[in-house]
Amino acid sequence: MSSQAPRIAIYPGSFDPLTSGHVDIIERGSRIFDKIIVAILINAEKVPLFSEEERIAIIKDVFKGNKHVQAETFNGLLVDYAQEKNATVLVRGLRAVSDFEYEFQMALMNRHLAPGLETVFMMPDEKYTFVSSRLIKEVFTLGGEVAGLVPPVVEQKLRAKQKAKRK
């Protein structure tokens, strides 16, 4: 048995909704790290499509059976949350060059605030590089097809919300 401390990573975001690009990064991250915490930021300024509880339930459903994946919510500074969880790595997804400038700035600020906390950038499979939660919500709301771009459970929940809205 290894005496090395477990490698804990945090993958922060809104995950509203969880996309296939997120799933790809989480699955790959779960093979690299002993634990990857999918950390849903509680942002009082945004009105999410799915509640925090719904997003936690979706993530748990999608990753049931994967003991390396955990889902939680947090608020406040990400570096404080990471220290509380004994995480040494932040995982951030990069879809396109346009994401890099913002993510690079955040990584440098996080390093300034918590010098021992590393940021690892991961790219989703190229078939998901155009997918974002915002785009999924917009396309779905306007009647477009999102199958394959989100896990089946997300598509089911989107349809249920759409049906409830019509009533």
N, C-alpha and C. Protein backbone atom coordinates (compact mmCIF):
# COMPACT_ATOMS: atom_id res chain seq x y z
N MET A 1 0.84 -1.18 0.00
CA MET A 1 0.00 0.00 0.00
C MET A 1 0.88 1.24 0.00
N SER A 2 0.53 2.22 -0.82
CA SER A 2 1.32 3.43 -0.97
C SER A 2 1.06 4.40 0.18
N SER A 3 2.13 5.05 0.63
CA SER A 3 1.97 6.04 1.69
C SER A 3 1.78 7.43 1.10
N GLN A 4 1.75 7.52 -0.23
CA GLN A 4 1.56 8.79 -0.90
C GLN A 4 0.13 9.29 -0.68
N ALA A 5 0.01 10.60 -0.44
CA ALA A 5 -1.31 11.19 -0.25
C ALA A 5 -2.13 11.03 -1.53
N PRO A 6 -3.43 10.84 -1.40
CA PRO A 6 -4.26 10.71 -2.61
C PRO A 6 -4.22 11.99 -3.44
N ARG A 7 -4.21 11.83 -4.74
CA ARG A 7 -4.23 12.97 -5.66
C ARG A 7 -5.68 13.37 -5.88
N ILE A 8 -6.05 14.50 -5.30
CA ILE A 8 -7.43 14.98 -5.37
C ILE A 8 -7.47 16.19 -6.29
N ALA A 9 -8.37 16.13 -7.28
CA ALA A 9 -8.56 17.23 -8.22
C ALA A 9 -9.97 17.76 -8.09
N ILE A 10 -10.11 19.03 -8.40
CA ILE A 10 -11.43 19.65 -8.42
C ILE A 10 -11.68 20.17 -9.82
N TYR A 11 -12.86 19.83 -10.34
CA TYR A 11 -13.30 20.32 -11.64
C TYR A 11 -14.49 21.23 -11.36
N PRO A 12 -14.25 22.55 -11.28
CA PRO A 12 -15.32 23.48 -10.92
C PRO A 12 -16.11 23.96 -12.14
N GLY A 13 -17.35 24.34 -11.90
CA GLY A 13 -18.16 24.91 -12.97
C GLY A 13 -19.62 24.98 -12.57
N SER A 14 -20.44 25.40 -13.51
CA SER A 14 -21.88 25.45 -13.23
C SER A 14 -22.55 24.12 -13.61
N PHE A 15 -22.07 23.49 -14.67
CA PHE A 15 -22.62 22.21 -15.13
C PHE A 15 -24.15 22.29 -15.27
N ASP A 16 -24.60 23.40 -15.88
CA ASP A 16 -26.03 23.67 -16.02
C ASP A 16 -26.40 23.82 -17.50
N PRO A 17 -26.57 22.71 -18.21
CA PRO A 17 -26.51 21.33 -17.76
C PRO A 17 -25.13 20.70 -18.02
N LEU A 18 -24.97 19.50 -17.48
CA LEU A 18 -23.80 18.67 -17.73
C LEU A 18 -23.82 18.29 -19.21
N THR A 19 -22.70 18.49 -19.90
CA THR A 19 -22.62 18.15 -21.33
C THR A 19 -21.73 16.92 -21.54
N SER A 20 -21.76 16.41 -22.74
CA SER A 20 -20.89 15.28 -23.07
C SER A 20 -19.42 15.68 -23.02
N GLY A 21 -19.12 16.94 -23.29
CA GLY A 21 -17.75 17.44 -23.14
C GLY A 21 -17.30 17.38 -21.70
N HIS A 22 -18.18 17.78 -20.77
CA HIS A 22 -17.87 17.68 -19.33
C HIS A 22 -17.62 16.21 -18.96
N VAL A 23 -18.50 15.34 -19.43
CA VAL A 23 -18.39 13.92 -19.11
C VAL A 23 -17.05 13.37 -19.59
N ASP A 24 -16.65 13.74 -20.79
CA ASP A 24 -15.38 13.29 -21.35
C ASP A 24 -14.22 13.71 -20.44
N ILE A 25 -14.19 14.96 -20.03
CA ILE A 25 -13.11 15.45 -19.16
C ILE A 25 -13.14 14.77 -17.80
N ILE A 26 -14.33 14.61 -17.23
CA ILE A 26 -14.45 13.96 -15.91
C ILE A 26 -13.99 12.51 -15.98
N GLU A 27 -14.41 11.79 -17.00
CA GLU A 27 -13.99 10.39 -17.14
C GLU A 27 -12.48 10.27 -17.28
N ARG A 28 -11.89 11.10 -18.11
CA ARG A 28 -10.44 11.05 -18.30
C ARG A 28 -9.72 11.50 -17.04
N GLY A 29 -10.25 12.52 -16.38
CA GLY A 29 -9.66 12.98 -15.13
C GLY A 29 -9.72 11.92 -14.04
N SER A 30 -10.78 11.13 -14.06
CA SER A 30 -10.93 10.09 -13.02
C SER A 30 -9.92 8.96 -13.19
N ARG A 31 -9.32 8.88 -14.38
CA ARG A 31 -8.27 7.89 -14.60
C ARG A 31 -6.89 8.43 -14.19
N ILE A 32 -6.78 9.75 -14.10
CA ILE A 32 -5.51 10.39 -13.75
C ILE A 32 -5.40 10.62 -12.24
N PHE A 33 -6.51 11.02 -11.63
CA PHE A 33 -6.50 11.39 -10.22
C PHE A 33 -7.21 10.33 -9.38
N ASP A 34 -6.84 10.24 -8.12
CA ASP A 34 -7.49 9.29 -7.21
C ASP A 34 -8.94 9.69 -6.98
N LYS A 35 -9.18 11.00 -6.95
CA LYS A 35 -10.55 11.50 -6.79
C LYS A 35 -10.66 12.79 -7.58
N ILE A 36 -11.76 12.93 -8.31
CA ILE A 36 -12.06 14.18 -8.98
C ILE A 36 -13.41 14.66 -8.46
N ILE A 37 -13.39 15.81 -7.84
CA ILE A 37 -14.61 16.39 -7.28
C ILE A 37 -15.19 17.35 -8.31
N VAL A 38 -16.38 17.04 -8.78
CA VAL A 38 -17.09 17.92 -9.69
C VAL A 38 -17.79 18.93 -8.78
N ALA A 39 -17.26 20.15 -8.77
CA ALA A 39 -17.69 21.17 -7.81
C ALA A 39 -18.57 22.21 -8.49
N ILE A 40 -19.82 22.22 -8.11
CA ILE A 40 -20.80 23.14 -8.69
C ILE A 40 -20.79 24.44 -7.89
N LEU A 41 -20.43 25.50 -8.57
CA LEU A 41 -20.39 26.81 -7.92
C LEU A 41 -21.81 27.32 -7.70
N ILE A 42 -22.10 27.70 -6.49
CA ILE A 42 -23.38 28.32 -6.17
C ILE A 42 -23.24 29.81 -6.46
N ASN A 43 -23.97 30.27 -7.47
CA ASN A 43 -23.87 31.67 -7.89
C ASN A 43 -25.26 32.29 -7.77
N ALA A 44 -25.45 33.09 -6.74
CA ALA A 44 -26.75 33.70 -6.45
C ALA A 44 -27.19 34.67 -7.55
N GLU A 45 -26.24 35.15 -8.36
CA GLU A 45 -26.56 36.12 -9.41
C GLU A 45 -27.15 35.46 -10.65
N LYS A 46 -26.95 34.16 -10.81
CA LYS A 46 -27.46 33.46 -11.99
C LYS A 46 -28.70 32.67 -11.63
N VAL A 47 -29.61 32.59 -12.59
CA VAL A 47 -30.80 31.76 -12.43
C VAL A 47 -30.57 30.50 -13.26
N PRO A 48 -30.24 29.40 -12.59
CA PRO A 48 -29.92 28.18 -13.34
C PRO A 48 -31.18 27.49 -13.87
N LEU A 49 -30.99 26.70 -14.91
CA LEU A 49 -32.07 25.87 -15.43
C LEU A 49 -32.35 24.74 -14.45
N PHE A 50 -31.27 24.10 -13.96
CA PHE A 50 -31.39 23.01 -13.00
C PHE A 50 -30.91 23.48 -11.63
N SER A 51 -31.61 23.09 -10.60
CA SER A 51 -31.20 23.44 -9.23
C SER A 51 -29.89 22.73 -8.90
N GLU A 52 -29.24 23.18 -7.84
CA GLU A 52 -28.01 22.51 -7.41
C GLU A 52 -28.27 21.03 -7.12
N GLU A 53 -29.39 20.75 -6.47
CA GLU A 53 -29.73 19.36 -6.13
C GLU A 53 -29.91 18.52 -7.39
N GLU A 54 -30.57 19.10 -8.41
CA GLU A 54 -30.77 18.38 -9.66
C GLU A 54 -29.44 18.11 -10.36
N ARG A 55 -28.54 19.11 -10.35
CA ARG A 55 -27.24 18.92 -11.00
C ARG A 55 -26.40 17.88 -10.27
N ILE A 56 -26.44 17.88 -8.95
CA ILE A 56 -25.71 16.87 -8.16
C ILE A 56 -26.27 15.48 -8.51
N ALA A 57 -27.59 15.36 -8.54
CA ALA A 57 -28.23 14.07 -8.84
C ALA A 57 -27.87 13.59 -10.25
N ILE A 58 -27.82 14.50 -11.22
CA ILE A 58 -27.46 14.13 -12.59
C ILE A 58 -26.03 13.61 -12.63
N ILE A 59 -25.12 14.32 -12.00
CA ILE A 59 -23.70 13.91 -12.00
C ILE A 59 -23.55 12.56 -11.31
N LYS A 60 -24.23 12.39 -10.18
CA LYS A 60 -24.15 11.09 -9.48
C LYS A 60 -24.72 9.97 -10.33
N ASP A 61 -25.79 10.25 -11.06
CA ASP A 61 -26.40 9.24 -11.93
C ASP A 61 -25.45 8.87 -13.08
N VAL A 62 -24.90 9.88 -13.74
CA VAL A 62 -24.02 9.64 -14.88
C VAL A 62 -22.76 8.86 -14.46
N PHE A 63 -22.25 9.14 -13.26
CA PHE A 63 -21.00 8.53 -12.82
C PHE A 63 -21.18 7.45 -11.75
N LYS A 64 -22.41 6.93 -11.62
CA LYS A 64 -22.60 5.86 -10.64
C LYS A 64 -21.68 4.70 -11.03
N GLY A 65 -21.07 4.12 -10.05
CA GLY A 65 -20.12 3.04 -10.34
C GLY A 65 -18.70 3.51 -10.53
N ASN A 66 -18.47 4.81 -10.69
CA ASN A 66 -17.11 5.34 -10.79
C ASN A 66 -16.73 5.92 -9.44
N LYS A 67 -16.00 5.15 -8.66
CA LYS A 67 -15.67 5.55 -7.28
C LYS A 67 -14.71 6.74 -7.22
N HIS A 68 -14.17 7.15 -8.35
CA HIS A 68 -13.22 8.27 -8.36
C HIS A 68 -13.92 9.62 -8.52
N VAL A 69 -15.22 9.61 -8.84
CA VAL A 69 -15.95 10.85 -9.10
C VAL A 69 -16.90 11.16 -7.95
N GLN A 70 -16.86 12.39 -7.51
CA GLN A 70 -17.72 12.88 -6.44
C GLN A 70 -18.32 14.20 -6.91
N ALA A 71 -19.52 14.53 -6.48
CA ALA A 71 -20.16 15.79 -6.86
C ALA A 71 -20.57 16.54 -5.60
N GLU A 72 -20.26 17.83 -5.58
CA GLU A 72 -20.59 18.69 -4.44
C GLU A 72 -20.87 20.10 -4.94
N THR A 73 -21.41 20.91 -4.05
CA THR A 73 -21.55 22.34 -4.34
C THR A 73 -20.56 23.10 -3.45
N PHE A 74 -20.24 24.31 -3.89
CA PHE A 74 -19.40 25.18 -3.06
C PHE A 74 -19.74 26.62 -3.37
N ASN A 75 -19.36 27.50 -2.46
CA ASN A 75 -19.44 28.93 -2.73
C ASN A 75 -18.19 29.58 -2.17
N GLY A 76 -17.95 30.79 -2.54
CA GLY A 76 -16.74 31.47 -2.10
C GLY A 76 -15.59 31.21 -3.05
N LEU A 77 -14.39 31.43 -2.55
CA LEU A 77 -13.20 31.27 -3.38
C LEU A 77 -12.90 29.80 -3.64
N LEU A 78 -12.63 29.49 -4.88
CA LEU A 78 -12.29 28.13 -5.27
C LEU A 78 -11.05 27.64 -4.54
N VAL A 79 -10.06 28.49 -4.37
CA VAL A 79 -8.82 28.05 -3.70
C VAL A 79 -9.08 27.67 -2.25
N ASP A 80 -10.00 28.36 -1.59
CA ASP A 80 -10.35 28.01 -0.20
C ASP A 80 -11.03 26.64 -0.17
N TYR A 81 -11.94 26.43 -1.10
CA TYR A 81 -12.64 25.15 -1.20
C TYR A 81 -11.64 24.03 -1.48
N ALA A 82 -10.72 24.28 -2.39
CA ALA A 82 -9.70 23.27 -2.74
C ALA A 82 -8.86 22.92 -1.51
N GLN A 83 -8.46 23.91 -0.74
CA GLN A 83 -7.67 23.65 0.47
C GLN A 83 -8.48 22.86 1.48
N GLU A 84 -9.75 23.18 1.61
CA GLU A 84 -10.64 22.46 2.53
C GLU A 84 -10.74 20.98 2.14
N LYS A 85 -10.68 20.70 0.84
CA LYS A 85 -10.81 19.32 0.33
C LYS A 85 -9.46 18.62 0.16
N ASN A 86 -8.38 19.31 0.54
CA ASN A 86 -7.01 18.77 0.37
C ASN A 86 -6.70 18.47 -1.09
N ALA A 87 -7.26 19.25 -1.99
CA ALA A 87 -7.00 19.09 -3.42
C ALA A 87 -5.70 19.79 -3.78
N THR A 88 -4.98 19.21 -4.71
CA THR A 88 -3.73 19.81 -5.17
C THR A 88 -3.82 20.26 -6.63
N VAL A 89 -4.93 19.93 -7.29
CA VAL A 89 -5.08 20.24 -8.71
C VAL A 89 -6.48 20.76 -9.01
N LEU A 90 -6.53 21.77 -9.86
CA LEU A 90 -7.79 22.23 -10.45
C LEU A 90 -7.79 21.78 -11.90
N VAL A 91 -8.88 21.20 -12.33
CA VAL A 91 -9.03 20.79 -13.73
C VAL A 91 -9.92 21.81 -14.41
N ARG A 92 -9.45 22.29 -15.55
CA ARG A 92 -10.24 23.25 -16.33
C ARG A 92 -10.29 22.76 -17.76
N GLY A 93 -11.45 22.88 -18.37
CA GLY A 93 -11.63 22.47 -19.75
C GLY A 93 -11.35 23.61 -20.70
N LEU A 94 -10.70 23.28 -21.79
CA LEU A 94 -10.46 24.26 -22.87
C LEU A 94 -11.07 23.70 -24.15
N ARG A 95 -12.04 24.42 -24.68
CA ARG A 95 -12.66 23.97 -25.93
C ARG A 95 -11.98 24.60 -27.13
N ALA A 96 -11.62 25.84 -27.00
CA ALA A 96 -11.06 26.57 -28.14
C ALA A 96 -10.06 27.60 -27.61
N VAL A 97 -9.32 28.18 -28.52
CA VAL A 97 -8.33 29.19 -28.15
C VAL A 97 -9.01 30.33 -27.39
N SER A 98 -10.25 30.63 -27.73
CA SER A 98 -10.97 31.73 -27.08
C SER A 98 -11.14 31.49 -25.58
N ASP A 99 -11.17 30.24 -25.13
CA ASP A 99 -11.26 29.94 -23.70
C ASP A 99 -9.95 30.23 -22.97
N PHE A 100 -8.84 30.14 -23.71
CA PHE A 100 -7.53 30.13 -23.07
C PHE A 100 -7.23 31.41 -22.28
N GLU A 101 -7.49 32.57 -22.85
CA GLU A 101 -7.12 33.82 -22.18
C GLU A 101 -7.77 33.94 -20.80
N TYR A 102 -9.07 33.70 -20.75
CA TYR A 102 -9.79 33.76 -19.47
C TYR A 102 -9.26 32.71 -18.50
N GLU A 103 -9.12 31.48 -18.97
CA GLU A 103 -8.68 30.38 -18.10
C GLU A 103 -7.24 30.60 -17.61
N PHE A 104 -6.39 31.14 -18.48
CA PHE A 104 -5.01 31.42 -18.11
C PHE A 104 -4.96 32.47 -17.00
N GLN A 105 -5.76 33.51 -17.14
CA GLN A 105 -5.85 34.57 -16.14
C GLN A 105 -6.31 34.00 -14.79
N MET A 106 -7.35 33.16 -14.83
CA MET A 106 -7.86 32.54 -13.60
C MET A 106 -6.80 31.64 -12.97
N ALA A 107 -6.10 30.88 -13.79
CA ALA A 107 -5.07 29.97 -13.27
C ALA A 107 -3.96 30.76 -12.57
N LEU A 108 -3.58 31.88 -13.15
CA LEU A 108 -2.53 32.70 -12.53
C LEU A 108 -3.02 33.33 -11.22
N MET A 109 -4.27 33.76 -11.19
CA MET A 109 -4.82 34.31 -9.94
C MET A 109 -4.89 33.22 -8.87
N ASN A 110 -5.34 32.04 -9.25
CA ASN A 110 -5.42 30.94 -8.29
C ASN A 110 -4.03 30.57 -7.78
N ARG A 111 -3.03 30.59 -8.65
CA ARG A 111 -1.66 30.31 -8.23
C ARG A 111 -1.16 31.39 -7.27
N HIS A 112 -1.54 32.63 -7.53
CA HIS A 112 -1.17 33.74 -6.64
C HIS A 112 -1.79 33.53 -5.25
N LEU A 113 -3.05 33.13 -5.23
CA LEU A 113 -3.77 32.94 -3.97
C LEU A 113 -3.35 31.67 -3.23
N ALA A 114 -3.02 30.63 -3.99
CA ALA A 114 -2.66 29.33 -3.39
C ALA A 114 -1.52 28.73 -4.22
N PRO A 115 -0.28 29.12 -3.92
CA PRO A 115 0.87 28.70 -4.73
C PRO A 115 1.03 27.18 -4.92
N GLY A 116 0.57 26.37 -4.01
CA GLY A 116 0.72 24.92 -4.15
C GLY A 116 -0.37 24.26 -4.98
N LEU A 117 -1.34 25.02 -5.42
CA LEU A 117 -2.47 24.48 -6.17
C LEU A 117 -2.19 24.61 -7.67
N GLU A 118 -2.10 23.48 -8.36
CA GLU A 118 -1.81 23.49 -9.80
C GLU A 118 -3.10 23.50 -10.60
N THR A 119 -3.03 24.05 -11.80
CA THR A 119 -4.15 24.00 -12.73
C THR A 119 -3.75 23.14 -13.91
N VAL A 120 -4.60 22.19 -14.25
CA VAL A 120 -4.38 21.31 -15.41
C VAL A 120 -5.48 21.60 -16.41
N PHE A 121 -5.08 21.94 -17.62
CA PHE A 121 -6.05 22.19 -18.68
C PHE A 121 -6.26 20.90 -19.47
N MET A 122 -7.51 20.57 -19.69
CA MET A 122 -7.85 19.38 -20.48
C MET A 122 -8.80 19.78 -21.60
N MET A 123 -8.59 19.20 -22.75
CA MET A 123 -9.46 19.45 -23.89
C MET A 123 -10.41 18.28 -24.03
N PRO A 124 -11.69 18.56 -24.28
CA PRO A 124 -12.60 17.45 -24.52
C PRO A 124 -12.31 16.83 -25.89
N ASP A 125 -12.86 15.67 -26.12
CA ASP A 125 -12.79 15.05 -27.44
C ASP A 125 -13.21 16.11 -28.47
N GLU A 126 -12.54 16.11 -29.61
CA GLU A 126 -12.79 17.16 -30.62
C GLU A 126 -14.25 17.23 -31.06
N LYS A 127 -14.99 16.13 -30.95
CA LYS A 127 -16.39 16.20 -31.37
C LYS A 127 -17.25 17.04 -30.43
N TYR A 128 -16.69 17.43 -29.26
CA TYR A 128 -17.44 18.26 -28.31
C TYR A 128 -16.86 19.67 -28.16
N THR A 129 -15.90 20.05 -28.99
CA THR A 129 -15.23 21.34 -28.79
C THR A 129 -16.15 22.54 -28.98
N PHE A 130 -17.24 22.37 -29.65
CA PHE A 130 -18.17 23.49 -29.86
C PHE A 130 -19.29 23.52 -28.82
N VAL A 131 -19.36 22.51 -27.95
CA VAL A 131 -20.48 22.35 -27.03
C VAL A 131 -20.23 23.13 -25.73
N SER A 132 -21.23 23.90 -25.34
CA SER A 132 -21.21 24.58 -24.04
C SER A 132 -22.60 24.43 -23.42
N SER A 133 -22.66 24.55 -22.10
CA SER A 133 -23.96 24.48 -21.42
C SER A 133 -24.91 25.55 -21.94
N ARG A 134 -24.38 26.77 -22.11
CA ARG A 134 -25.20 27.88 -22.60
C ARG A 134 -25.78 27.54 -23.97
N LEU A 135 -24.96 27.00 -24.86
CA LEU A 135 -25.41 26.66 -26.20
C LEU A 135 -26.44 25.53 -26.18
N ILE A 136 -26.23 24.55 -25.33
CA ILE A 136 -27.19 23.44 -25.20
C ILE A 136 -28.56 23.98 -24.80
N LYS A 137 -28.58 24.85 -23.77
CA LYS A 137 -29.86 25.41 -23.32
C LYS A 137 -30.54 26.20 -24.43
N GLU A 138 -29.75 26.99 -25.14
CA GLU A 138 -30.31 27.82 -26.21
C GLU A 138 -30.87 26.96 -27.35
N VAL A 139 -30.10 26.00 -27.80
CA VAL A 139 -30.54 25.13 -28.90
C VAL A 139 -31.77 24.33 -28.50
N PHE A 140 -31.75 23.77 -27.30
CA PHE A 140 -32.88 22.96 -26.85
C PHE A 140 -34.15 23.82 -26.74
N THR A 141 -34.02 25.00 -26.14
CA THR A 141 -35.15 25.90 -25.96
C THR A 141 -35.79 26.28 -27.30
N LEU A 142 -34.95 26.38 -28.33
CA LEU A 142 -35.45 26.76 -29.65
C LEU A 142 -35.87 25.55 -30.49
N GLY A 143 -35.89 24.37 -29.88
CA GLY A 143 -36.40 23.19 -30.56
C GLY A 143 -35.35 22.36 -31.27
N GLY A 144 -34.09 22.66 -31.08
CA GLY A 144 -33.02 21.91 -31.74
C GLY A 144 -32.72 20.60 -31.04
N GLU A 145 -32.00 19.75 -31.74
CA GLU A 145 -31.64 18.42 -31.25
C GLU A 145 -30.32 18.46 -30.48
N VAL A 146 -30.32 17.90 -29.27
CA VAL A 146 -29.10 17.88 -28.45
C VAL A 146 -28.65 16.45 -28.12
N ALA A 147 -29.30 15.46 -28.71
CA ALA A 147 -28.92 14.06 -28.45
C ALA A 147 -27.45 13.86 -28.79
N GLY A 148 -26.74 13.18 -27.88
CA GLY A 148 -25.33 12.92 -28.07
C GLY A 148 -24.44 14.03 -27.55
N LEU A 149 -25.00 15.22 -27.40
CA LEU A 149 -24.23 16.36 -26.88
C LEU A 149 -24.34 16.48 -25.37
N VAL A 150 -25.32 15.76 -24.81
CA VAL A 150 -25.53 15.68 -23.37
C VAL A 150 -25.79 14.21 -23.03
N PRO A 151 -25.54 13.81 -21.79
CA PRO A 151 -25.90 12.44 -21.40
C PRO A 151 -27.41 12.24 -21.53
N PRO A 152 -27.85 11.00 -21.80
CA PRO A 152 -29.30 10.74 -21.95
C PRO A 152 -30.14 11.25 -20.78
N VAL A 153 -29.65 11.13 -19.54
CA VAL A 153 -30.41 11.60 -18.39
C VAL A 153 -30.63 13.11 -18.46
N VAL A 154 -29.67 13.85 -18.98
CA VAL A 154 -29.82 15.31 -19.12
C VAL A 154 -30.88 15.61 -20.16
N GLU A 155 -30.84 14.89 -21.27
CA GLU A 155 -31.86 15.11 -22.31
C GLU A 155 -33.25 14.81 -21.76
N GLN A 156 -33.38 13.73 -20.99
CA GLN A 156 -34.69 13.40 -20.39
C GLN A 156 -35.16 14.51 -19.46
N LYS A 157 -34.25 15.03 -18.66
CA LYS A 157 -34.63 16.08 -17.71
C LYS A 157 -34.95 17.39 -18.43
N LEU A 158 -34.25 17.67 -19.51
CA LEU A 158 -34.57 18.85 -20.32
C LEU A 158 -35.99 18.73 -20.88
N ARG A 159 -36.31 17.56 -21.41
CA ARG A 159 -37.66 17.33 -21.97
C ARG A 159 -38.74 17.43 -20.88
N ALA A 160 -38.44 16.91 -19.69
CA ALA A 160 -39.39 16.99 -18.58
C ALA A 160 -39.64 18.46 -18.18
N LYS A 161 -38.58 19.26 -18.16
CA LYS A 161 -38.74 20.69 -17.83
C LYS A 161 -39.54 21.40 -18.91
N GLN A 162 -39.27 21.03 -20.16
CA GLN A 162 -40.00 21.64 -21.28
C GLN A 162 -41.48 21.29 -21.19
N LYS A 163 -41.77 20.02 -20.88
CA LYS A 163 -43.16 19.56 -20.76
C LYS A 163 -43.86 20.26 -19.61
N ALA A 164 -43.18 20.41 -18.47
CA ALA A 164 -43.77 21.06 -17.30
C ALA A 164 -44.05 22.54 -17.59
N LYS A 165 -43.20 23.15 -18.40
CA LYS A 165 -43.36 24.56 -18.72
C LYS A 165 -44.61 24.79 -19.59
N ARG A 166 -44.91 23.82 -20.44
CA ARG A 166 -46.06 23.93 -21.34
C ARG A 166 -47.38 23.86 -20.60
N LYS A 167 -47.38 23.23 -19.44
CA LYS A 167 -48.65 23.03 -18.68
C LYS A 167 -49.09 24.30 -18.03
